Structure formats: C-alpha cells, structure tokens
Amino acid sequence: VTHLKAPIFALATLSHPIVWGASKTDVARVVFLFAIRRGDTLGRLRLLAAIAQFAKSPDGIEAALTASDSSALYGALPGETEPYNFSSSSEPNL
C-alpha cells in the first residue's frame, strides 16, 4: 500500500475458531490484520516485533479472548492508553 501515512493495525478475536496449519487440531482464535506503506521495512519489522511480543504473552492472549466488547479488546493490548504508532519515525509504545 503506497498511500498510507502510517501502518494500520487491527486485532480481532473469532467466535468460531478456524483450522490453521497441517493439523486439524491447530486453530486460530486471534487474528492480526495490518497494512504497511510499501518500502517501510523498519515500520514492518517494528509492527511484527510488537505482534510477536503480544502473542507470546499468555495473559494478553487470554485477555483478548475473553474481552466482552471492542473497548475491552483494546484494553487487552499492551502499552499506554494512546493508540499505537508503529511508523518508522517513532518507537512503538509497548
């Protein structure tokens, strides 16, 4: 995507998990969606690092899975109350 001013990130939880991977028992319940400006390698790496940090936190994943609404889901994300800024010009606030 070439016209983005900053990366866009979304997190969703699935009420009906989907099979993911080779095993029928591996399912996805949390989905990350993102769009990053073409050529923004540093922004992409920072965003992927932030997602990896969140994904390795059992408490964060559990909080996301049990969130009752979008406000609770947003609250499950690590960091400050301000929206994340993963652009190349700043550090992500995790």
Protein backbone atom coordinates (compact mmCIF):
# COMPACT_ATOMS: atom_id res chain seq x y z
CA VAL A 1 0.00 0.00 0.00
CA THR A 2 1.68 3.24 -1.09
CA HIS A 3 -0.65 5.98 0.21
CA LEU A 4 -0.62 5.17 3.92
CA LYS A 5 0.81 7.81 6.22
CA ALA A 6 1.40 5.23 8.96
CA PRO A 7 0.94 1.49 9.40
CA ILE A 8 -2.57 0.35 10.32
CA PHE A 9 -3.08 -2.49 12.75
CA ALA A 10 -6.21 -4.41 13.75
CA LEU A 11 -6.79 -7.26 16.16
CA ALA A 12 -9.85 -9.49 16.05
CA THR A 13 -11.00 -12.50 18.00
CA LEU A 14 -13.01 -15.20 16.30
CA SER A 15 -16.17 -16.58 17.89
CA HIS A 16 -15.73 -19.68 15.70
CA PRO A 17 -12.03 -20.65 15.51
CA ILE A 18 -10.66 -21.66 12.10
CA VAL A 19 -8.34 -24.58 11.41
CA TRP A 20 -4.84 -23.28 10.73
CA GLY A 21 -1.89 -25.39 9.71
CA ALA A 22 -1.43 -29.04 8.89
CA SER A 23 -3.11 -30.43 11.99
CA LYS A 24 -6.90 -30.39 12.27
CA THR A 25 -6.45 -29.59 15.97
CA ASP A 26 -4.49 -26.36 15.39
CA VAL A 27 -6.96 -23.49 15.35
CA ALA A 28 -6.71 -19.72 15.15
CA ARG A 29 -8.80 -17.66 17.56
CA VAL A 30 -6.90 -14.35 17.39
CA VAL A 31 -6.30 -12.64 14.03
CA PHE A 32 -3.94 -9.75 13.31
CA LEU A 33 -4.53 -7.58 10.25
CA PHE A 34 -2.18 -4.87 9.12
CA ALA A 35 -1.38 -2.60 6.21
CA ILE A 36 2.04 -1.01 5.81
CA ARG A 37 3.30 1.54 3.31
CA ARG A 38 5.34 -0.08 0.52
CA GLY A 39 9.03 0.21 1.29
CA ASP A 40 8.56 0.85 5.03
CA THR A 41 10.78 -2.04 6.08
CA LEU A 42 11.55 -0.63 9.52
CA GLY A 43 7.85 0.02 10.21
CA ARG A 44 7.02 -3.54 9.14
CA LEU A 45 9.72 -5.02 11.39
CA ARG A 46 8.59 -2.96 14.37
CA LEU A 47 4.98 -3.96 13.86
CA LEU A 48 5.86 -7.65 13.55
CA ALA A 49 8.02 -7.41 16.68
CA ALA A 50 5.13 -5.84 18.61
CA ILE A 51 2.75 -8.57 17.42
CA ALA A 52 5.27 -11.24 18.44
CA GLN A 53 5.65 -9.66 21.88
CA PHE A 54 1.87 -9.62 22.36
CA ALA A 55 1.43 -13.17 21.01
CA LYS A 56 3.96 -14.67 23.43
CA SER A 57 2.08 -13.25 26.42
CA PRO A 58 -0.44 -15.83 27.70
CA ASP A 59 -2.14 -13.13 29.81
CA GLY A 60 -2.54 -10.81 26.82
CA ILE A 61 -3.97 -13.53 24.60
CA GLU A 62 -6.36 -14.67 27.34
CA ALA A 63 -7.49 -11.08 27.94
CA ALA A 64 -8.12 -10.65 24.21
CA LEU A 65 -10.05 -13.92 24.01
CA THR A 66 -12.26 -13.07 26.97
CA ALA A 67 -12.89 -9.42 26.01
CA SER A 68 -16.61 -8.71 26.02
CA ASP A 69 -16.51 -5.81 23.54
CA SER A 70 -14.13 -3.71 21.43
CA SER A 71 -13.18 -1.45 24.36
CA ALA A 72 -12.18 -4.47 26.44
CA LEU A 73 -10.27 -5.89 23.45
CA TYR A 74 -8.39 -2.60 23.05
CA GLY A 75 -7.64 -2.69 26.77
CA ALA A 76 -6.07 -6.13 26.36
CA LEU A 77 -3.33 -4.65 24.19
CA PRO A 78 -0.06 -3.84 25.96
CA GLY A 79 1.12 -0.26 26.36
CA GLU A 80 -0.40 3.08 27.14
CA THR A 81 -3.96 4.18 26.52
CA GLU A 82 -2.92 6.07 23.39
CA PRO A 83 -3.23 4.27 20.03
CA TYR A 84 -0.07 2.61 18.81
CA ASN A 85 2.24 4.35 16.38
CA PHE A 86 4.36 1.82 14.51
CA SER A 87 5.72 4.21 11.89
CA SER A 88 9.44 4.26 11.12
CA SER A 89 9.84 7.64 12.75
CA SER A 90 8.98 6.51 16.27
CA GLU A 91 9.31 3.60 18.65
CA PRO A 92 6.18 1.52 19.30
CA ASN A 93 4.87 2.22 22.78
CA LEU A 94 4.79 -1.30 24.20
